[in-house]
């Protein structure tokens, strides 16, 4: 791939996917743990450890998949 526009489009796509991965991680892993540590409760009360574990794991896996997709998009670029 030598077309500069195509290269920038690939990099932009990878950046979007990696940003989505970071957002998923922050929203689904970091925020619930911080809420549990600081005692923040939802409308229905505190979340159980099982709910936090399953939800955090799901968001962590989704984040890893999005990050892997970004790396896959970039694999054809060579320096």
PDB file of N, CA and C in Angstrom:
ATOM      1  N   UNK A   1       0.855  -1.164   0.000  1.00  0.00           N
ATOM      2  CA  UNK A   1       0.000   0.000   0.000  1.00  0.00           C
ATOM      3  C   UNK A   1       0.907   1.233   0.000  1.00  0.00           C
ATOM      4  N   UNK A   2       0.861   1.988  -1.081  1.00  0.00           N
ATOM      5  CA  UNK A   2       1.723   3.156  -1.190  1.00  0.00           C
ATOM      6  C   UNK A   2       0.946   4.457  -1.294  1.00  0.00           C
ATOM      7  N   UNK A   3      -0.352   4.379  -1.476  1.00  0.00           N
ATOM      8  CA  UNK A   3      -1.175   5.581  -1.583  1.00  0.00           C
ATOM      9  C   UNK A   3      -1.270   6.260  -0.218  1.00  0.00           C
ATOM     10  N   UNK A   4      -0.791   7.491  -0.076  1.00  0.00           N
ATOM     11  CA  UNK A   4      -0.814   8.161   1.235  1.00  0.00           C
ATOM     12  C   UNK A   4      -2.219   8.331   1.808  1.00  0.00           C
ATOM     13  N   UNK A   5      -3.188   8.560   0.950  1.00  0.00           N
ATOM     14  CA  UNK A   5      -4.565   8.725   1.433  1.00  0.00           C
ATOM     15  C   UNK A   5      -5.084   7.408   2.008  1.00  0.00           C
ATOM     16  N   UNK A   6      -4.808   6.318   1.340  1.00  0.00           N
ATOM     17  CA  UNK A   6      -5.244   5.004   1.826  1.00  0.00           C
ATOM     18  C   UNK A   6      -4.569   4.668   3.154  1.00  0.00           C
ATOM     19  N   UNK A   7      -3.292   5.008   3.266  1.00  0.00           N
ATOM     20  CA  UNK A   7      -2.568   4.747   4.513  1.00  0.00           C
ATOM     21  C   UNK A   7      -3.188   5.536   5.661  1.00  0.00           C
ATOM     22  N   UNK A   8      -3.506   6.798   5.420  1.00  0.00           N
ATOM     23  CA  UNK A   8      -4.110   7.622   6.474  1.00  0.00           C
ATOM     24  C   UNK A   8      -5.505   7.114   6.846  1.00  0.00           C
ATOM     25  N   UNK A   9      -6.238   6.595   5.874  1.00  0.00           N
ATOM     26  CA  UNK A   9      -7.563   6.032   6.169  1.00  0.00           C
ATOM     27  C   UNK A   9      -7.439   4.792   7.055  1.00  0.00           C
ATOM     28  N   UNK A  10      -6.445   3.969   6.767  1.00  0.00           N
ATOM     29  CA  UNK A  10      -6.212   2.778   7.594  1.00  0.00           C
ATOM     30  C   UNK A  10      -5.836   3.200   9.012  1.00  0.00           C
ATOM     31  N   UNK A  11      -4.955   4.185   9.128  1.00  0.00           N
ATOM     32  CA  UNK A  11      -4.543   4.645  10.456  1.00  0.00           C
ATOM     33  C   UNK A  11      -5.707   5.282  11.212  1.00  0.00           C
ATOM     34  N   UNK A  12      -6.566   6.016  10.496  1.00  0.00           N
ATOM     35  CA  UNK A  12      -7.738   6.627  11.126  1.00  0.00           C
ATOM     36  C   UNK A  12      -8.707   5.561  11.634  1.00  0.00           C
ATOM     37  N   UNK A  13      -8.905   4.518  10.850  1.00  0.00           N
ATOM     38  CA  UNK A  13      -9.771   3.417  11.271  1.00  0.00           C
ATOM     39  C   UNK A  13      -9.211   2.729  12.508  1.00  0.00           C
ATOM     40  N   UNK A  14      -7.910   2.479  12.513  1.00  0.00           N
ATOM     41  CA  UNK A  14      -7.272   1.849  13.669  1.00  0.00           C
ATOM     42  C   UNK A  14      -7.379   2.739  14.903  1.00  0.00           C
ATOM     43  N   UNK A  15      -7.217   4.036  14.724  1.00  0.00           N
ATOM     44  CA  UNK A  15      -7.350   4.967  15.842  1.00  0.00           C
ATOM     45  C   UNK A  15      -8.765   4.943  16.409  1.00  0.00           C
ATOM     46  N   UNK A  16      -9.761   4.916  15.519  1.00  0.00           N
ATOM     47  CA  UNK A  16     -11.155   4.840  15.966  1.00  0.00           C
ATOM     48  C   UNK A  16     -11.400   3.568  16.780  1.00  0.00           C
ATOM     49  N   UNK A  17     -10.937   2.444  16.283  1.00  0.00           N
ATOM     50  CA  UNK A  17     -11.143   1.180  16.985  1.00  0.00           C
ATOM     51  C   UNK A  17     -10.422   1.166  18.337  1.00  0.00           C
ATOM     52  N   UNK A  18      -9.221   1.707  18.376  1.00  0.00           N
ATOM     53  CA  UNK A  18      -8.473   1.721  19.623  1.00  0.00           C
ATOM     54  C   UNK A  18      -9.104   2.684  20.632  1.00  0.00           C
ATOM     55  N   UNK A  19      -9.650   3.800  20.166  1.00  0.00           N
ATOM     56  CA  UNK A  19     -10.357   4.721  21.050  1.00  0.00           C
ATOM     57  C   UNK A  19     -11.618   4.069  21.599  1.00  0.00           C
ATOM     58  N   UNK A  20     -12.317   3.331  20.762  1.00  0.00           N
ATOM     59  CA  UNK A  20     -13.499   2.595  21.230  1.00  0.00           C
ATOM     60  C   UNK A  20     -13.101   1.566  22.284  1.00  0.00           C
ATOM     61  N   UNK A  21     -11.957   0.908  22.087  1.00  0.00           N
ATOM     62  CA  UNK A  21     -11.468  -0.066  23.067  1.00  0.00           C
ATOM     63  C   UNK A  21     -11.190   0.615  24.403  1.00  0.00           C
ATOM     64  N   UNK A  22     -10.567   1.782  24.358  1.00  0.00           N
ATOM     65  CA  UNK A  22     -10.302   2.521  25.592  1.00  0.00           C
ATOM     66  C   UNK A  22     -11.583   2.963  26.288  1.00  0.00           C
ATOM     67  N   UNK A  23     -12.558   3.378  25.513  1.00  0.00           N
ATOM     68  CA  UNK A  23     -13.845   3.778  26.077  1.00  0.00           C
ATOM     69  C   UNK A  23     -14.575   2.606  26.723  1.00  0.00           C
ATOM     70  N   UNK A  24     -14.546   1.467  26.070  1.00  0.00           N
ATOM     71  CA  UNK A  24     -15.167   0.266  26.636  1.00  0.00           C
ATOM     72  C   UNK A  24     -14.497  -0.130  27.945  1.00  0.00           C
ATOM     73  N   UNK A  25     -13.177  -0.058  27.978  1.00  0.00           N
ATOM     74  CA  UNK A  25     -12.443  -0.420  29.191  1.00  0.00           C
ATOM     75  C   UNK A  25     -12.771   0.544  30.328  1.00  0.00           C
ATOM     76  N   UNK A  26     -12.759   1.834  30.030  1.00  0.00           N
ATOM     77  CA  UNK A  26     -13.042   2.832  31.066  1.00  0.00           C
ATOM     78  C   UNK A  26     -14.472   2.706  31.581  1.00  0.00           C
ATOM     79  N   UNK A  27     -15.418   2.564  30.672  1.00  0.00           N
ATOM     80  CA  UNK A  27     -16.826   2.504  31.047  1.00  0.00           C
ATOM     81  C   UNK A  27     -17.186   1.214  31.765  1.00  0.00           C
ATOM     82  N   UNK A  28     -16.689   0.101  31.287  1.00  0.00           N
ATOM     83  CA  UNK A  28     -17.139  -1.177  31.809  1.00  0.00           C
ATOM     84  C   UNK A  28     -16.261  -1.811  32.860  1.00  0.00           C
ATOM     85  N   UNK A  29     -15.017  -1.353  33.005  1.00  0.00           N
ATOM     86  CA  UNK A  29     -14.113  -1.969  33.971  1.00  0.00           C
ATOM     87  C   UNK A  29     -13.720  -0.969  35.059  1.00  0.00           C
ATOM     88  N   UNK A  30     -13.165   0.169  34.656  1.00  0.00           N
ATOM     89  CA  UNK A  30     -12.652   1.131  35.630  1.00  0.00           C
ATOM     90  C   UNK A  30     -13.777   1.801  36.418  1.00  0.00           C
ATOM     91  N   UNK A  31     -14.800   2.296  35.719  1.00  0.00           N
ATOM     92  CA  UNK A  31     -15.871   3.034  36.402  1.00  0.00           C
ATOM     93  C   UNK A  31     -16.628   2.180  37.424  1.00  0.00           C
ATOM     94  N   UNK A  32     -17.032   0.947  37.102  1.00  0.00           N
ATOM     95  CA  UNK A  32     -17.727   0.150  38.121  1.00  0.00           C
ATOM     96  C   UNK A  32     -16.839  -0.190  39.321  1.00  0.00           C
ATOM     97  N   UNK A  33     -15.565  -0.438  39.084  1.00  0.00           N
ATOM     98  CA  UNK A  33     -14.665  -0.719  40.210  1.00  0.00           C
ATOM     99  C   UNK A  33     -14.521   0.518  41.080  1.00  0.00           C
ATOM    100  N   UNK A  34     -14.356   1.676  40.446  1.00  0.00           N
ATOM    101  CA  UNK A  34     -14.265   2.920  41.224  1.00  0.00           C
ATOM    102  C   UNK A  34     -15.546   3.175  41.993  1.00  0.00           C
ATOM    103  N   UNK A  35     -16.691   2.915  41.392  1.00  0.00           N
ATOM    104  CA  UNK A  35     -17.972   3.110  42.079  1.00  0.00           C
ATOM    105  C   UNK A  35     -18.090   2.169  43.277  1.00  0.00           C
ATOM    106  N   UNK A  36     -17.640   0.937  43.113  1.00  0.00           N
ATOM    107  CA  UNK A  36     -17.702  -0.018  44.220  1.00  0.00           C
ATOM    108  C   UNK A  36     -16.754   0.384  45.345  1.00  0.00           C
ATOM    109  N   UNK A  37     -15.565   0.849  44.984  1.00  0.00           N
ATOM    110  CA  UNK A  37     -14.583   1.245  45.993  1.00  0.00           C
ATOM    111  C   UNK A  37     -15.076   2.443  46.796  1.00  0.00           C
ATOM    112  N   UNK A  38     -15.685   3.403  46.115  1.00  0.00           N
ATOM    113  CA  UNK A  38     -16.128   4.613  46.790  1.00  0.00           C
ATOM    114  C   UNK A  38     -17.558   4.533  47.300  1.00  0.00           C
ATOM    115  N   UNK A  39     -18.205   3.393  47.144  1.00  0.00           N
ATOM    116  CA  UNK A  39     -19.530   3.179  47.712  1.00  0.00           C
ATOM    117  C   UNK A  39     -20.667   3.866  46.979  1.00  0.00           C
ATOM    118  N   UNK A  40     -20.496   4.144  45.713  1.00  0.00           N
ATOM    119  CA  UNK A  40     -21.558   4.750  44.923  1.00  0.00           C
ATOM    120  C   UNK A  40     -22.573   3.674  44.573  1.00  0.00           C
ATOM    121  N   UNK A  41     -23.843   3.964  44.762  1.00  0.00           N
ATOM    122  CA  UNK A  41     -24.881   2.976  44.456  1.00  0.00           C
ATOM    123  C   UNK A  41     -25.734   3.464  43.293  1.00  0.00           C
ATOM    124  N   UNK A  42     -26.349   2.529  42.620  1.00  0.00           N
ATOM    125  CA  UNK A  42     -27.246   2.863  41.524  1.00  0.00           C
ATOM    126  C   UNK A  42     -28.653   3.095  42.023  1.00  0.00           C
ATOM    127  N   UNK A  43     -29.594   3.216  41.117  1.00  0.00           N
ATOM    128  CA  UNK A  43     -30.985   3.472  41.473  1.00  0.00           C
ATOM    129  C   UNK A  43     -31.588   2.302  42.249  1.00  0.00           C
ATOM    130  N   UNK A  44     -31.081   1.094  42.013  1.00  0.00           N
ATOM    131  CA  UNK A  44     -31.625  -0.084  42.688  1.00  0.00           C
ATOM    132  C   UNK A  44     -30.746  -0.554  43.835  1.00  0.00           C
ATOM    133  N   UNK A  45     -29.728   0.222  44.188  1.00  0.00           N
ATOM    134  CA  UNK A  45     -28.833  -0.158  45.273  1.00  0.00           C
ATOM    135  C   UNK A  45     -27.486  -0.600  44.744  1.00  0.00           C
ATOM    136  N   UNK A  46     -26.628  -1.081  45.623  1.00  0.00           N
ATOM    137  CA  UNK A  46     -25.280  -1.484  45.190  1.00  0.00           C
ATOM    138  C   UNK A  46     -25.314  -2.736  44.314  1.00  0.00           C
ATOM    139  N   UNK A  47     -24.335  -2.848  43.462  1.00  0.00           N
ATOM    140  CA  UNK A  47     -24.227  -4.016  42.596  1.00  0.00           C
ATOM    141  C   UNK A  47     -23.539  -5.154  43.342  1.00  0.00           C
ATOM    142  N   UNK A  48     -23.935  -6.367  43.016  1.00  0.00           N
ATOM    143  CA  UNK A  48     -23.289  -7.520  43.637  1.00  0.00           C
ATOM    144  C   UNK A  48     -21.921  -7.754  43.011  1.00  0.00           C
ATOM    145  N   UNK A  49     -21.095  -8.492  43.726  1.00  0.00           N
ATOM    146  CA  UNK A  49     -19.765  -8.805  43.208  1.00  0.00           C
ATOM    147  C   UNK A  49     -19.866  -9.628  41.925  1.00  0.00           C
ATOM    148  N   UNK A  50     -20.867 -10.497  41.842  1.00  0.00           N
ATOM    149  CA  UNK A  50     -21.055 -11.309  40.640  1.00  0.00           C
ATOM    150  C   UNK A  50     -21.385 -10.423  39.437  1.00  0.00           C
ATOM    151  N   UNK A  51     -22.275  -9.465  39.629  1.00  0.00           N
ATOM    152  CA  UNK A  51     -22.635  -8.542  38.550  1.00  0.00           C
ATOM    153  C   UNK A  51     -21.426  -7.734  38.104  1.00  0.00           C
ATOM    154  N   UNK A  52     -20.655  -7.243  39.068  1.00  0.00           N
ATOM    155  CA  UNK A  52     -19.447  -6.497  38.721  1.00  0.00           C
ATOM    156  C   UNK A  52     -18.454  -7.373  37.964  1.00  0.00           C
ATOM    157  N   UNK A  53     -18.282  -8.608  38.418  1.00  0.00           N
ATOM    158  CA  UNK A  53     -17.337  -9.511  37.769  1.00  0.00           C
ATOM    159  C   UNK A  53     -17.730  -9.861  36.355  1.00  0.00           C
ATOM    160  N   UNK A  54     -18.997 -10.229  36.172  1.00  0.00           N
ATOM    161  CA  UNK A  54     -19.467 -10.610  34.830  1.00  0.00           C
ATOM    162  C   UNK A  54     -19.469  -9.408  33.897  1.00  0.00           C
ATOM    163  N   UNK A  55     -19.988  -8.283  34.367  1.00  0.00           N
ATOM    164  CA  UNK A  55     -20.017  -7.075  33.538  1.00  0.00           C
ATOM    165  C   UNK A  55     -18.621  -6.600  33.184  1.00  0.00           C
ATOM    166  N   UNK A  56     -17.733  -6.584  34.171  1.00  0.00           N
ATOM    167  CA  UNK A  56     -16.356  -6.164  33.917  1.00  0.00           C
ATOM    168  C   UNK A  56     -15.656  -7.073  32.933  1.00  0.00           C
ATOM    169  N   UNK A  57     -15.893  -8.370  33.066  1.00  0.00           N
ATOM    170  CA  UNK A  57     -15.281  -9.331  32.145  1.00  0.00           C
ATOM    171  C   UNK A  57     -15.799  -9.142  30.727  1.00  0.00           C
ATOM    172  N   UNK A  58     -17.094  -8.920  30.588  1.00  0.00           N
ATOM    173  CA  UNK A  58     -17.675  -8.712  29.256  1.00  0.00           C
ATOM    174  C   UNK A  58     -17.091  -7.461  28.596  1.00  0.00           C
ATOM    175  N   UNK A  59     -17.003  -6.381  29.357  1.00  0.00           N
ATOM    176  CA  UNK A  59     -16.453  -5.154  28.788  1.00  0.00           C
ATOM    177  C   UNK A  59     -14.957  -5.292  28.511  1.00  0.00           C
ATOM    178  N   UNK A  60     -14.245  -6.022  29.357  1.00  0.00           N
ATOM    179  CA  UNK A  60     -12.818  -6.240  29.132  1.00  0.00           C
ATOM    180  C   UNK A  60     -12.599  -7.025  27.843  1.00  0.00           C
ATOM    181  N   UNK A  61     -13.385  -8.063  27.632  1.00  0.00           N
ATOM    182  CA  UNK A  61     -13.267  -8.865  26.410  1.00  0.00           C
ATOM    183  C   UNK A  61     -13.623  -8.016  25.184  1.00  0.00           C
ATOM    184  N   UNK A  62     -14.684  -7.217  25.281  1.00  0.00           N
ATOM    185  CA  UNK A  62     -15.066  -6.351  24.159  1.00  0.00           C
ATOM    186  C   UNK A  62     -13.954  -5.349  23.853  1.00  0.00           C
ATOM    187  N   UNK A  63     -13.328  -4.824  24.897  1.00  0.00           N
ATOM    188  CA  UNK A  63     -12.222  -3.892  24.721  1.00  0.00           C
ATOM    189  C   UNK A  63     -11.037  -4.569  24.040  1.00  0.00           C
ATOM    190  N   UNK A  64     -10.717  -5.774  24.465  1.00  0.00           N
ATOM    191  CA  UNK A  64      -9.606  -6.505  23.856  1.00  0.00           C
ATOM    192  C   UNK A  64      -9.887  -6.850  22.392  1.00  0.00           C
ATOM    193  N   UNK A  65     -11.124  -7.188  22.086  1.00  0.00           N
ATOM    194  CA  UNK A  65     -11.500  -7.498  20.699  1.00  0.00           C
ATOM    195  C   UNK A  65     -11.359  -6.249  19.824  1.00  0.00           C
ATOM    196  N   UNK A  66     -11.826  -5.097  20.318  1.00  0.00           N
ATOM    197  CA  UNK A  66     -11.702  -3.856  19.544  1.00  0.00           C
ATOM    198  C   UNK A  66     -10.232  -3.492  19.340  1.00  0.00           C
ATOM    199  N   UNK A  67      -9.425  -3.679  20.372  1.00  0.00           N
ATOM    200  CA  UNK A  67      -7.993  -3.380  20.246  1.00  0.00           C
ATOM    201  C   UNK A  67      -7.326  -4.348  19.255  1.00  0.00           C
ATOM    202  N   UNK A  68      -7.692  -5.609  19.315  1.00  0.00           N
ATOM    203  CA  UNK A  68      -7.151  -6.592  18.372  1.00  0.00           C
ATOM    204  C   UNK A  68      -7.569  -6.253  16.944  1.00  0.00           C
ATOM    205  N   UNK A  69      -8.796  -5.769  16.776  1.00  0.00           N
ATOM    206  CA  UNK A  69      -9.250  -5.368  15.444  1.00  0.00           C
ATOM    207  C   UNK A  69      -8.427  -4.196  14.922  1.00  0.00           C
ATOM    208  N   UNK A  70      -8.082  -3.265  15.808  1.00  0.00           N
ATOM    209  CA  UNK A  70      -7.241  -2.135  15.400  1.00  0.00           C
ATOM    210  C   UNK A  70      -5.861  -2.625  14.966  1.00  0.00           C
ATOM    211  N   UNK A  71      -5.304  -3.566  15.710  1.00  0.00           N
ATOM    212  CA  UNK A  71      -3.994  -4.116  15.324  1.00  0.00           C
ATOM    213  C   UNK A  71      -4.095  -4.879  13.994  1.00  0.00           C
ATOM    214  N   UNK A  72      -5.211  -5.570  13.775  1.00  0.00           N
ATOM    215  CA  UNK A  72      -5.414  -6.308  12.532  1.00  0.00           C
ATOM    216  C   UNK A  72      -5.477  -5.353  11.342  1.00  0.00           C
ATOM    217  N   UNK A  73      -6.149  -4.232  11.526  1.00  0.00           N
ATOM    218  CA  UNK A  73      -6.263  -3.240  10.457  1.00  0.00           C
ATOM    219  C   UNK A  73      -4.888  -2.701  10.074  1.00  0.00           C
ATOM    220  N   UNK A  74      -4.013  -2.548  11.066  1.00  0.00           N
ATOM    221  CA  UNK A  74      -2.682  -1.978  10.834  1.00  0.00           C
ATOM    222  C   UNK A  74      -1.645  -2.992  10.332  1.00  0.00           C
ATOM    223  N   UNK A  75      -1.977  -4.265  10.312  1.00  0.00           N
ATOM    224  CA  UNK A  75      -0.952  -5.282  10.032  1.00  0.00           C
ATOM    225  C   UNK A  75      -0.338  -5.182   8.649  1.00  0.00           C
ATOM    226  N   UNK A  76      -1.033  -4.631   7.679  1.00  0.00           N
ATOM    227  CA  UNK A  76      -0.499  -4.551   6.330  1.00  0.00           C
ATOM    228  C   UNK A  76       0.410  -3.345   6.105  1.00  0.00           C
ATOM    229  N   UNK A  77       0.441  -2.422   7.069  1.00  0.00           N
ATOM    230  CA  UNK A  77       1.319  -1.257   6.914  1.00  0.00           C
ATOM    231  C   UNK A  77       2.754  -1.633   7.249  1.00  0.00           C
ATOM    232  N   UNK A  78       3.646  -1.208   6.425  1.00  0.00           N
ATOM    233  CA  UNK A  78       5.062  -1.479   6.648  1.00  0.00           C
ATOM    234  C   UNK A  78       5.794  -0.147   6.718  1.00  0.00           C
ATOM    235  N   UNK A  79       6.831  -0.047   7.571  1.00  0.00           N
ATOM    236  CA  UNK A  79       7.577   1.220   7.656  1.00  0.00           C
ATOM    237  C   UNK A  79       8.379   1.509   6.405  1.00  0.00           C
TER     238      UNK A  79
END
